[in-house]
Amino acid sequence: QVQLAESGGGLVQPGGSLRLTCASSRSLGGINVMAWYRQAPGKQREWVAEIALSGTKNYSDSVKGRFTISRDGAQDKVFLQMNSLKPEDTAVYYCCAIVWATDYWGQGTQVTVSS
């Protein structure tokens, strides 16, 4: 079992920045992939970024160059630094841990980009 807790969401103006944090109850060393997803109202959940146990990072085209995923193994936390935010980034952001064939999800944190 892996329990995840996201934090750091909020209201930000277009062009602003936010840093999301995902705290894991399990050591990141025992998790194959940590990922961020988001779900906007009326839309399907979409993959945003991921970081593998090897350290390899991948991003969706919609956030590449603006968002950065990172991790702190000592704290068992994963971060999503979001810069140059746009109104279309508004969504609930979810942290996901993939351990072999099993996914674990957090409760999500709301990000609203609006002037």
C-alpha atoms as a PDB file:
ATOM      1  CA  GLN A   1       0.000   0.000   0.000  1.00  0.00           C
ATOM      2  CA  VAL A   2       1.064   3.538  -0.752  1.00  0.00           C
ATOM      3  CA  GLN A   3      -0.667   6.595   0.628  1.00  0.00           C
ATOM      4  CA  LEU A   4      -0.161   9.876  -1.184  1.00  0.00           C
ATOM      5  CA  ALA A   5      -0.957  13.406  -0.063  1.00  0.00           C
ATOM      6  CA  GLU A   6      -0.837  16.370  -2.432  1.00  0.00           C
ATOM      7  CA  SER A   7      -0.485  19.972  -1.351  1.00  0.00           C
ATOM      8  CA  GLY A   8       0.416  23.351  -2.788  1.00  0.00           C
ATOM      9  CA  GLY A   9      -2.571  24.082  -5.000  1.00  0.00           C
ATOM     10  CA  GLY A  10      -4.339  27.415  -5.054  1.00  0.00           C
ATOM     11  CA  LEU A  11      -5.387  30.410  -7.088  1.00  0.00           C
ATOM     12  CA  VAL A  12      -2.764  32.081  -9.255  1.00  0.00           C
ATOM     13  CA  GLN A  13      -2.837  34.677 -12.012  1.00  0.00           C
ATOM     14  CA  PRO A  14      -1.879  33.782 -15.585  1.00  0.00           C
ATOM     15  CA  GLY A  15       1.886  33.789 -15.937  1.00  0.00           C
ATOM     16  CA  GLY A  16       2.367  32.926 -12.284  1.00  0.00           C
ATOM     17  CA  SER A  17       3.931  29.910 -10.620  1.00  0.00           C
ATOM     18  CA  LEU A  18       2.966  27.214  -8.151  1.00  0.00           C
ATOM     19  CA  ARG A  19       4.836  24.286  -6.649  1.00  0.00           C
ATOM     20  CA  LEU A  20       2.890  21.130  -5.888  1.00  0.00           C
ATOM     21  CA  THR A  21       4.127  18.569  -3.397  1.00  0.00           C
ATOM     22  CA  CYS A  22       3.241  14.886  -3.151  1.00  0.00           C
ATOM     23  CA  ALA A  23       4.213  13.136   0.062  1.00  0.00           C
ATOM     24  CA  SER A  24       4.458   9.356  -0.086  1.00  0.00           C
ATOM     25  CA  SER A  25       3.998   6.943   2.818  1.00  0.00           C
ATOM     26  CA  ARG A  26       6.375   4.540   1.075  1.00  0.00           C
ATOM     27  CA  SER A  27      10.004   5.060   0.230  1.00  0.00           C
ATOM     28  CA  LEU A  28      10.417   6.386  -3.302  1.00  0.00           C
ATOM     29  CA  GLY A  29      13.049   3.712  -3.737  1.00  0.00           C
ATOM     30  CA  GLY A  30      10.273   1.141  -3.778  1.00  0.00           C
ATOM     31  CA  ILE A  31       8.118   2.904  -6.368  1.00  0.00           C
ATOM     32  CA  ASN A  32       8.695   2.341 -10.081  1.00  0.00           C
ATOM     33  CA  VAL A  33       7.187   5.597 -11.316  1.00  0.00           C
ATOM     34  CA  MET A  34       5.821   8.722  -9.664  1.00  0.00           C
ATOM     35  CA  ALA A  35       3.518  10.759 -11.869  1.00  0.00           C
ATOM     36  CA  TRP A  36       1.287  13.803 -11.903  1.00  0.00           C
ATOM     37  CA  TYR A  37      -2.090  13.811 -13.625  1.00  0.00           C
ATOM     38  CA  ARG A  38      -4.756  16.473 -13.854  1.00  0.00           C
ATOM     39  CA  GLN A  39      -8.466  16.617 -14.494  1.00  0.00           C
ATOM     40  CA  ALA A  40     -10.284  19.737 -15.631  1.00  0.00           C
ATOM     41  CA  PRO A  41     -14.073  20.095 -15.208  1.00  0.00           C
ATOM     42  CA  GLY A  42     -15.905  18.036 -17.812  1.00  0.00           C
ATOM     43  CA  LYS A  43     -12.708  16.469 -19.143  1.00  0.00           C
ATOM     44  CA  GLN A  44     -10.927  13.175 -18.732  1.00  0.00           C
ATOM     45  CA  ARG A  45      -7.955  12.837 -16.437  1.00  0.00           C
ATOM     46  CA  GLU A  46      -4.757  13.465 -18.378  1.00  0.00           C
ATOM     47  CA  TRP A  47      -1.145  12.597 -17.718  1.00  0.00           C
ATOM     48  CA  VAL A  48       1.111  15.582 -17.046  1.00  0.00           C
ATOM     49  CA  ALA A  49       4.571  14.381 -16.056  1.00  0.00           C
ATOM     50  CA  GLU A  50       6.419  11.446 -14.549  1.00  0.00           C
ATOM     51  CA  ILE A  51       9.723  10.520 -13.013  1.00  0.00           C
ATOM     52  CA  ALA A  52      10.946   6.942 -13.037  1.00  0.00           C
ATOM     53  CA  LEU A  53      13.005   5.198 -10.387  1.00  0.00           C
ATOM     54  CA  SER A  54      15.967   5.603 -12.753  1.00  0.00           C
ATOM     55  CA  GLY A  55      15.465   9.360 -12.709  1.00  0.00           C
ATOM     56  CA  THR A  56      14.165   9.579 -16.256  1.00  0.00           C
ATOM     57  CA  LYS A  57      11.599  12.348 -16.637  1.00  0.00           C
ATOM     58  CA  ASN A  58       8.858  12.748 -19.211  1.00  0.00           C
ATOM     59  CA  TYR A  59       6.341  15.503 -19.848  1.00  0.00           C
ATOM     60  CA  SER A  60       3.198  15.983 -21.856  1.00  0.00           C
ATOM     61  CA  ASP A  61       3.557  18.360 -24.792  1.00  0.00           C
ATOM     62  CA  SER A  62       1.138  20.791 -23.159  1.00  0.00           C
ATOM     63  CA  VAL A  63       3.457  21.433 -20.183  1.00  0.00           C
ATOM     64  CA  LYS A  64       6.910  20.759 -21.604  1.00  0.00           C
ATOM     65  CA  GLY A  65       9.220  23.693 -20.955  1.00  0.00           C
ATOM     66  CA  ARG A  66       6.935  25.142 -18.280  1.00  0.00           C
ATOM     67  CA  PHE A  67       6.619  22.378 -15.674  1.00  0.00           C
ATOM     68  CA  THR A  68       9.407  20.511 -13.913  1.00  0.00           C
ATOM     69  CA  ILE A  69       9.039  17.292 -11.943  1.00  0.00           C
ATOM     70  CA  SER A  70      11.564  16.460  -9.246  1.00  0.00           C
ATOM     71  CA  ARG A  71      11.904  14.309  -6.148  1.00  0.00           C
ATOM     72  CA  ASP A  72      13.517  14.263  -2.731  1.00  0.00           C
ATOM     73  CA  GLY A  73      14.284  10.699  -1.734  1.00  0.00           C
ATOM     74  CA  ALA A  74      15.208  11.654   1.816  1.00  0.00           C
ATOM     75  CA  GLN A  75      11.744  13.114   2.386  1.00  0.00           C
ATOM     76  CA  ASP A  76       9.897  10.687   0.075  1.00  0.00           C
ATOM     77  CA  LYS A  77       8.364  13.621  -1.756  1.00  0.00           C
ATOM     78  CA  VAL A  78       7.802  14.473  -5.384  1.00  0.00           C
ATOM     79  CA  PHE A  79       7.342  18.008  -6.623  1.00  0.00           C
ATOM     80  CA  LEU A  80       5.803  19.666  -9.643  1.00  0.00           C
ATOM     81  CA  GLN A  81       7.111  23.157 -10.290  1.00  0.00           C
ATOM     82  CA  MET A  82       4.657  24.928 -12.552  1.00  0.00           C
ATOM     83  CA  ASN A  83       5.738  28.159 -14.243  1.00  0.00           C
ATOM     84  CA  SER A  84       4.108  30.388 -16.855  1.00  0.00           C
ATOM     85  CA  LEU A  85       0.719  29.074 -15.840  1.00  0.00           C
ATOM     86  CA  LYS A  86      -2.198  29.450 -18.231  1.00  0.00           C
ATOM     87  CA  PRO A  87      -5.959  29.385 -17.622  1.00  0.00           C
ATOM     88  CA  GLU A  88      -6.072  26.019 -19.396  1.00  0.00           C
ATOM     89  CA  ASP A  89      -3.857  24.584 -16.648  1.00  0.00           C
ATOM     90  CA  THR A  90      -6.803  24.918 -14.275  1.00  0.00           C
ATOM     91  CA  ALA A  91      -7.610  21.458 -12.930  1.00  0.00           C
ATOM     92  CA  VAL A  92      -7.425  19.152  -9.973  1.00  0.00           C
ATOM     93  CA  TYR A  93      -3.885  17.763  -9.909  1.00  0.00           C
ATOM     94  CA  TYR A  94      -3.359  14.199  -8.721  1.00  0.00           C
ATOM     95  CA  CYS A  95      -0.235  12.384  -7.665  1.00  0.00           C
ATOM     96  CA  CYS A  96       0.101   8.753  -8.745  1.00  0.00           C
ATOM     97  CA  ALA A  97       2.515   6.053  -7.616  1.00  0.00           C
ATOM     98  CA  ILE A  98       3.021   3.013  -9.815  1.00  0.00           C
ATOM     99  CA  VAL A  99       4.360  -0.056  -8.056  1.00  0.00           C
ATOM    100  CA  TRP A 100       4.747  -2.814 -10.618  1.00  0.00           C
ATOM    101  CA  ALA A 101       1.170  -3.208 -11.978  1.00  0.00           C
ATOM    102  CA  THR A 102      -0.646  -1.308  -9.251  1.00  0.00           C
ATOM    103  CA  ASP A 103      -1.547   2.387  -9.220  1.00  0.00           C
ATOM    104  CA  TYR A 104      -2.041   4.406  -6.062  1.00  0.00           C
ATOM    105  CA  TRP A 105      -3.640   7.851  -6.112  1.00  0.00           C
ATOM    106  CA  GLY A 106      -3.825  10.847  -3.864  1.00  0.00           C
ATOM    107  CA  GLN A 107      -6.937  12.926  -3.237  1.00  0.00           C
ATOM    108  CA  GLY A 108      -5.849  15.764  -5.484  1.00  0.00           C
ATOM    109  CA  THR A 109      -5.201  19.467  -5.085  1.00  0.00           C
ATOM    110  CA  GLN A 110      -7.037  22.219  -6.943  1.00  0.00           C
ATOM    111  CA  VAL A 111      -5.096  24.605  -9.164  1.00  0.00           C
ATOM    112  CA  THR A 112      -6.971  27.584 -10.548  1.00  0.00           C
ATOM    113  CA  VAL A 113      -5.339  29.992 -12.992  1.00  0.00           C
ATOM    114  CA  SER A 114      -7.414  33.120 -13.346  1.00  0.00           C
ATOM    115  CA  SER A 115      -7.116  36.880 -13.295  1.00  0.00           C
END
